[in-house]
Amino acid sequence: MRTRDLGELAVRNLREAVLRNSLTTLGVAVGVASLVAMLSLGVGLQT
């Protein structure tokens, strides 16, 4: 497969599975936010 074909396939899959992609993005964002919050809380409690 050429690079162009792979790009078209990726874009088509992103358009077809909007709900799944949105939920995955939301899950990653919540996970990163909770990690940052826990690390900040840990540093804040040490000082």
PDB file of N, CA and C in Angstrom:
ATOM      1  N   MET A   1       0.838  -1.188   0.000  1.00  0.00           N
ATOM      2  CA  MET A   1       0.000   0.000   0.000  1.00  0.00           C
ATOM      3  C   MET A   1       0.878   1.244   0.000  1.00  0.00           C
ATOM      4  N   ARG A   2       0.416   2.219  -0.729  1.00  0.00           N
ATOM      5  CA  ARG A   2       1.142   3.484  -0.771  1.00  0.00           C
ATOM      6  C   ARG A   2       0.740   4.342   0.419  1.00  0.00           C
ATOM      7  N   THR A   3       1.545   5.348   0.670  1.00  0.00           N
ATOM      8  CA  THR A   3       1.275   6.257   1.787  1.00  0.00           C
ATOM      9  C   THR A   3      -0.060   6.966   1.589  1.00  0.00           C
ATOM     10  N   ARG A   4      -0.350   7.343   0.367  1.00  0.00           N
ATOM     11  CA  ARG A   4      -1.623   8.017   0.089  1.00  0.00           C
ATOM     12  C   ARG A   4      -2.803   7.097   0.402  1.00  0.00           C
ATOM     13  N   ASP A   5      -2.690   5.825   0.027  1.00  0.00           N
ATOM     14  CA  ASP A   5      -3.759   4.866   0.315  1.00  0.00           C
ATOM     15  C   ASP A   5      -3.971   4.718   1.816  1.00  0.00           C
ATOM     16  N   LEU A   6      -2.881   4.670   2.557  1.00  0.00           N
ATOM     17  CA  LEU A   6      -2.989   4.550   4.010  1.00  0.00           C
ATOM     18  C   LEU A   6      -3.657   5.779   4.619  1.00  0.00           C
ATOM     19  N   GLY A   7      -3.322   6.955   4.114  1.00  0.00           N
ATOM     20  CA  GLY A   7      -3.946   8.185   4.596  1.00  0.00           C
ATOM     21  C   GLY A   7      -5.441   8.202   4.323  1.00  0.00           C
ATOM     22  N   GLU A   8      -5.830   7.799   3.115  1.00  0.00           N
ATOM     23  CA  GLU A   8      -7.257   7.754   2.774  1.00  0.00           C
ATOM     24  C   GLU A   8      -7.996   6.744   3.641  1.00  0.00           C
ATOM     25  N   LEU A   9      -7.377   5.610   3.892  1.00  0.00           N
ATOM     26  CA  LEU A   9      -7.986   4.588   4.743  1.00  0.00           C
ATOM     27  C   LEU A   9      -8.165   5.098   6.169  1.00  0.00           C
ATOM     28  N   ALA A  10      -7.168   5.787   6.685  1.00  0.00           N
ATOM     29  CA  ALA A  10      -7.253   6.328   8.045  1.00  0.00           C
ATOM     30  C   ALA A  10      -8.367   7.356   8.159  1.00  0.00           C
ATOM     31  N   VAL A  11      -8.456   8.258   7.196  1.00  0.00           N
ATOM     32  CA  VAL A  11      -9.499   9.294   7.227  1.00  0.00           C
ATOM     33  C   VAL A  11     -10.882   8.657   7.110  1.00  0.00           C
ATOM     34  N   ARG A  12     -11.025   7.681   6.240  1.00  0.00           N
ATOM     35  CA  ARG A  12     -12.322   7.014   6.079  1.00  0.00           C
ATOM     36  C   ARG A  12     -12.737   6.308   7.367  1.00  0.00           C
ATOM     37  N   ASN A  13     -11.803   5.635   8.021  1.00  0.00           N
ATOM     38  CA  ASN A  13     -12.122   4.947   9.269  1.00  0.00           C
ATOM     39  C   ASN A  13     -12.472   5.930  10.381  1.00  0.00           C
ATOM     40  N   LEU A  14     -11.810   7.085  10.415  1.00  0.00           N
ATOM     41  CA  LEU A  14     -12.140   8.099  11.417  1.00  0.00           C
ATOM     42  C   LEU A  14     -13.549   8.644  11.199  1.00  0.00           C
ATOM     43  N   ARG A  15     -13.948   8.807   9.956  1.00  0.00           N
ATOM     44  CA  ARG A  15     -15.289   9.328   9.657  1.00  0.00           C
ATOM     45  C   ARG A  15     -16.372   8.298   9.948  1.00  0.00           C
ATOM     46  N   GLU A  16     -16.088   7.028   9.738  1.00  0.00           N
ATOM     47  CA  GLU A  16     -17.104   5.990   9.903  1.00  0.00           C
ATOM     48  C   GLU A  16     -17.375   5.663  11.369  1.00  0.00           C
ATOM     49  N   ALA A  17     -16.400   5.799  12.224  1.00  0.00           N
ATOM     50  CA  ALA A  17     -16.547   5.395  13.624  1.00  0.00           C
ATOM     51  C   ALA A  17     -16.429   6.613  14.536  1.00  0.00           C
ATOM     52  N   VAL A  18     -17.295   7.585  14.340  1.00  0.00           N
ATOM     53  CA  VAL A  18     -17.204   8.846  15.081  1.00  0.00           C
ATOM     54  C   VAL A  18     -17.422   8.619  16.573  1.00  0.00           C
ATOM     55  N   LEU A  19     -18.440   7.842  16.945  1.00  0.00           N
ATOM     56  CA  LEU A  19     -18.739   7.615  18.359  1.00  0.00           C
ATOM     57  C   LEU A  19     -17.577   6.904  19.048  1.00  0.00           C
ATOM     58  N   ARG A  20     -17.058   5.861  18.429  1.00  0.00           N
ATOM     59  CA  ARG A  20     -15.951   5.120  19.029  1.00  0.00           C
ATOM     60  C   ARG A  20     -14.723   6.007  19.198  1.00  0.00           C
ATOM     61  N   ASN A  21     -14.416   6.808  18.187  1.00  0.00           N
ATOM     62  CA  ASN A  21     -13.259   7.695  18.266  1.00  0.00           C
ATOM     63  C   ASN A  21     -13.455   8.774  19.317  1.00  0.00           C
ATOM     64  N   SER A  22     -14.675   9.287  19.424  1.00  0.00           N
ATOM     65  CA  SER A  22     -14.959  10.313  20.430  1.00  0.00           C
ATOM     66  C   SER A  22     -14.812   9.752  21.838  1.00  0.00           C
ATOM     67  N   LEU A  23     -15.340   8.557  22.060  1.00  0.00           N
ATOM     68  CA  LEU A  23     -15.239   7.945  23.387  1.00  0.00           C
ATOM     69  C   LEU A  23     -13.792   7.603  23.736  1.00  0.00           C
ATOM     70  N   THR A  24     -13.027   7.167  22.759  1.00  0.00           N
ATOM     71  CA  THR A  24     -11.619   6.874  22.997  1.00  0.00           C
ATOM     72  C   THR A  24     -10.858   8.138  23.357  1.00  0.00           C
ATOM     73  N   THR A  25     -11.112   9.214  22.627  1.00  0.00           N
ATOM     74  CA  THR A  25     -10.465  10.495  22.916  1.00  0.00           C
ATOM     75  C   THR A  25     -10.844  10.994  24.298  1.00  0.00           C
ATOM     76  N   LEU A  26     -12.119  10.882  24.650  1.00  0.00           N
ATOM     77  CA  LEU A  26     -12.583  11.291  25.974  1.00  0.00           C
ATOM     78  C   LEU A  26     -11.912  10.461  27.066  1.00  0.00           C
ATOM     79  N   GLY A  27     -11.789   9.169  26.856  1.00  0.00           N
ATOM     80  CA  GLY A  27     -11.139   8.302  27.834  1.00  0.00           C
ATOM     81  C   GLY A  27      -9.677   8.653  28.045  1.00  0.00           C
ATOM     82  N   VAL A  28      -8.971   8.933  26.967  1.00  0.00           N
ATOM     83  CA  VAL A  28      -7.564   9.323  27.081  1.00  0.00           C
ATOM     84  C   VAL A  28      -7.442  10.650  27.817  1.00  0.00           C
ATOM     85  N   ALA A  29      -8.321  11.596  27.507  1.00  0.00           N
ATOM     86  CA  ALA A  29      -8.276  12.909  28.166  1.00  0.00           C
ATOM     87  C   ALA A  29      -8.544  12.781  29.662  1.00  0.00           C
ATOM     88  N   VAL A  30      -9.533  11.979  30.035  1.00  0.00           N
ATOM     89  CA  VAL A  30      -9.839  11.777  31.456  1.00  0.00           C
ATOM     90  C   VAL A  30      -8.674  11.086  32.155  1.00  0.00           C
ATOM     91  N   GLY A  31      -8.067  10.116  31.507  1.00  0.00           N
ATOM     92  CA  GLY A  31      -6.926   9.421  32.094  1.00  0.00           C
ATOM     93  C   GLY A  31      -5.739  10.339  32.325  1.00  0.00           C
ATOM     94  N   VAL A  32      -5.425  11.155  31.353  1.00  0.00           N
ATOM     95  CA  VAL A  32      -4.308  12.097  31.490  1.00  0.00           C
ATOM     96  C   VAL A  32      -4.615  13.126  32.567  1.00  0.00           C
ATOM     97  N   ALA A  33      -5.850  13.629  32.592  1.00  0.00           N
ATOM     98  CA  ALA A  33      -6.229  14.621  33.604  1.00  0.00           C
ATOM     99  C   ALA A  33      -6.139  14.034  35.008  1.00  0.00           C
ATOM    100  N   SER A  34      -6.569  12.793  35.181  1.00  0.00           N
ATOM    101  CA  SER A  34      -6.495  12.180  36.510  1.00  0.00           C
ATOM    102  C   SER A  34      -5.048  11.926  36.918  1.00  0.00           C
ATOM    103  N   LEU A  35      -4.207  11.561  35.972  1.00  0.00           N
ATOM    104  CA  LEU A  35      -2.790  11.361  36.282  1.00  0.00           C
ATOM    105  C   LEU A  35      -2.138  12.666  36.711  1.00  0.00           C
ATOM    106  N   VAL A  36      -2.411  13.734  35.996  1.00  0.00           N
ATOM    107  CA  VAL A  36      -1.865  15.045  36.353  1.00  0.00           C
ATOM    108  C   VAL A  36      -2.379  15.478  37.717  1.00  0.00           C
ATOM    109  N   ALA A  37      -3.659  15.254  37.983  1.00  0.00           N
ATOM    110  CA  ALA A  37      -4.237  15.642  39.274  1.00  0.00           C
ATOM    111  C   ALA A  37      -3.597  14.865  40.421  1.00  0.00           C
ATOM    112  N   MET A  38      -3.396  13.576  40.251  1.00  0.00           N
ATOM    113  CA  MET A  38      -2.798  12.766  41.320  1.00  0.00           C
ATOM    114  C   MET A  38      -1.336  13.151  41.557  1.00  0.00           C
ATOM    115  N   LEU A  39      -0.600  13.407  40.492  1.00  0.00           N
ATOM    116  CA  LEU A  39       0.790  13.828  40.655  1.00  0.00           C
ATOM    117  C   LEU A  39       0.866  15.194  41.328  1.00  0.00           C
ATOM    118  N   SER A  40      -0.015  16.100  40.949  1.00  0.00           N
ATOM    119  CA  SER A  40      -0.040  17.426  41.571  1.00  0.00           C
ATOM    120  C   SER A  40      -0.409  17.327  43.042  1.00  0.00           C
ATOM    121  N   LEU A  41      -1.360  16.481  43.352  1.00  0.00           N
ATOM    122  CA  LEU A  41      -1.759  16.276  44.742  1.00  0.00           C
ATOM    123  C   LEU A  41      -0.603  15.704  45.554  1.00  0.00           C
ATOM    124  N   GLY A  42       0.113  14.756  44.990  1.00  0.00           N
ATOM    125  CA  GLY A  42       1.257  14.169  45.681  1.00  0.00           C
ATOM    126  C   GLY A  42       2.352  15.179  45.951  1.00  0.00           C
ATOM    127  N   VAL A  43       2.657  16.000  44.974  1.00  0.00           N
ATOM    128  CA  VAL A  43       3.682  17.033  45.150  1.00  0.00           C
ATOM    129  C   VAL A  43       3.202  18.078  46.148  1.00  0.00           C
ATOM    130  N   GLY A  44       1.935  18.434  46.079  1.00  0.00           N
ATOM    131  CA  GLY A  44       1.389  19.434  46.996  1.00  0.00           C
ATOM    132  C   GLY A  44       1.395  18.967  48.441  1.00  0.00           C
ATOM    133  N   LEU A  45       1.180  17.697  48.671  1.00  0.00           N
ATOM    134  CA  LEU A  45       1.169  17.174  50.038  1.00  0.00           C
ATOM    135  C   LEU A  45       2.574  17.036  50.621  1.00  0.00           C
ATOM    136  N   GLN A  46       3.581  16.965  49.772  1.00  0.00           N
ATOM    137  CA  GLN A  46       4.956  16.841  50.254  1.00  0.00           C
ATOM    138  C   GLN A  46       5.489  18.163  50.786  1.00  0.00           C
ATOM    139  N   THR A  47       4.988  19.258  50.308  1.00  0.00           N
ATOM    140  CA  THR A  47       5.518  20.558  50.742  1.00  0.00           C
ATOM    141  C   THR A  47       4.678  21.162  51.832  1.00  0.00           C
TER     142      THR A  47
END
